[in-house]
Amino acid sequence: MRAVILSVLASEKGATAVEYGLILSLIVLAIVGGVSQLASSTVGMWDNVSAEVNNH
C-alpha cells in the first residue's frame, strides 16, 4: 500500500494536463475580459449615434 501511495505522489503524468488547463483558463479569461470591454464601448458608441440621429 505504501508503495502505491509513493508511486502516485511521485507521478507527474497528469501535471502537464493540469498546466495546460490552467493556461487555457487564463486565455479564456483574457478573451472574456476583452470582449466585455469591447461590448461596453460598442454599446456606448451606438447610444451616441442614436442620440445624434434623434437630435436631428
C-alpha atoms as a PDB file:
ATOM      1  CA  MET A   1       0.000   0.000   0.000  1.00  0.00           C
ATOM      2  CA  ARG A   2       2.804   2.368   0.889  1.00  0.00           C
ATOM      3  CA  ALA A   3       4.470   1.734  -2.469  1.00  0.00           C
ATOM      4  CA  VAL A   4       1.266   2.652  -4.309  1.00  0.00           C
ATOM      5  CA  ILE A   5       0.900   5.919  -2.393  1.00  0.00           C
ATOM      6  CA  LEU A   6       4.536   6.850  -3.021  1.00  0.00           C
ATOM      7  CA  SER A   7       4.124   5.957  -6.688  1.00  0.00           C
ATOM      8  CA  VAL A   8       1.068   8.217  -7.016  1.00  0.00           C
ATOM      9  CA  LEU A   9       2.812  11.082  -5.235  1.00  0.00           C
ATOM     10  CA  ALA A  10       5.903  10.757  -7.448  1.00  0.00           C
ATOM     11  CA  SER A  11       3.947  10.525 -10.707  1.00  0.00           C
ATOM     12  CA  GLU A  12       3.884  13.677 -12.818  1.00  0.00           C
ATOM     13  CA  LYS A  13       1.769  12.255 -15.638  1.00  0.00           C
ATOM     14  CA  GLY A  14      -1.259  14.469 -15.046  1.00  0.00           C
ATOM     15  CA  ALA A  15       0.755  17.569 -14.188  1.00  0.00           C
ATOM     16  CA  THR A  16       1.097  18.605 -17.828  1.00  0.00           C
ATOM     17  CA  ALA A  17      -2.647  18.318 -18.419  1.00  0.00           C
ATOM     18  CA  VAL A  18      -3.326  20.438 -15.349  1.00  0.00           C
ATOM     19  CA  GLU A  19      -0.825  23.058 -16.506  1.00  0.00           C
ATOM     20  CA  TYR A  20      -2.404  23.189 -19.965  1.00  0.00           C
ATOM     21  CA  GLY A  21      -5.812  23.519 -18.337  1.00  0.00           C
ATOM     22  CA  LEU A  22      -4.637  26.451 -16.231  1.00  0.00           C
ATOM     23  CA  ILE A  23      -3.072  28.179 -19.237  1.00  0.00           C
ATOM     24  CA  LEU A  24      -6.251  27.660 -21.257  1.00  0.00           C
ATOM     25  CA  SER A  25      -8.397  29.058 -18.446  1.00  0.00           C
ATOM     26  CA  LEU A  26      -6.224  32.192 -18.273  1.00  0.00           C
ATOM     27  CA  ILE A  27      -6.501  32.668 -22.042  1.00  0.00           C
ATOM     28  CA  VAL A  28     -10.291  32.273 -21.899  1.00  0.00           C
ATOM     29  CA  LEU A  29     -10.468  34.736 -19.015  1.00  0.00           C
ATOM     30  CA  ALA A  30      -8.473  37.306 -21.013  1.00  0.00           C
ATOM     31  CA  ILE A  31     -10.713  36.828 -24.054  1.00  0.00           C
ATOM     32  CA  VAL A  32     -13.885  37.229 -21.980  1.00  0.00           C
ATOM     33  CA  GLY A  33     -12.490  40.401 -20.411  1.00  0.00           C
ATOM     34  CA  GLY A  34     -11.558  41.831 -23.801  1.00  0.00           C
ATOM     35  CA  VAL A  35     -14.928  41.037 -25.342  1.00  0.00           C
ATOM     36  CA  SER A  36     -16.681  42.555 -22.338  1.00  0.00           C
ATOM     37  CA  GLN A  37     -14.735  45.797 -22.723  1.00  0.00           C
ATOM     38  CA  LEU A  38     -15.383  45.842 -26.460  1.00  0.00           C
ATOM     39  CA  ALA A  39     -19.105  45.300 -25.897  1.00  0.00           C
ATOM     40  CA  SER A  40     -19.271  48.183 -23.416  1.00  0.00           C
ATOM     41  CA  SER A  41     -17.564  50.596 -25.787  1.00  0.00           C
ATOM     42  CA  THR A  42     -19.705  49.435 -28.714  1.00  0.00           C
ATOM     43  CA  VAL A  43     -22.920  49.981 -26.757  1.00  0.00           C
ATOM     44  CA  GLY A  44     -21.722  53.464 -25.827  1.00  0.00           C
ATOM     45  CA  MET A  45     -20.921  54.240 -29.454  1.00  0.00           C
ATOM     46  CA  TRP A  46     -24.365  53.131 -30.666  1.00  0.00           C
ATOM     47  CA  ASP A  47     -26.035  55.121 -27.873  1.00  0.00           C
ATOM     48  CA  ASN A  48     -24.203  58.223 -29.114  1.00  0.00           C
ATOM     49  CA  VAL A  49     -25.215  57.517 -32.719  1.00  0.00           C
ATOM     50  CA  SER A  50     -28.833  57.068 -31.658  1.00  0.00           C
ATOM     51  CA  ALA A  51     -28.799  60.314 -29.682  1.00  0.00           C
ATOM     52  CA  GLU A  52     -27.353  62.235 -32.637  1.00  0.00           C
ATOM     53  CA  VAL A  53     -29.933  60.798 -35.034  1.00  0.00           C
ATOM     54  CA  ASN A  54     -32.768  61.656 -32.651  1.00  0.00           C
ATOM     55  CA  ASN A  55     -31.482  65.226 -32.208  1.00  0.00           C
ATOM     56  CA  HIS A  56     -31.509  65.932 -35.942  1.00  0.00           C
END
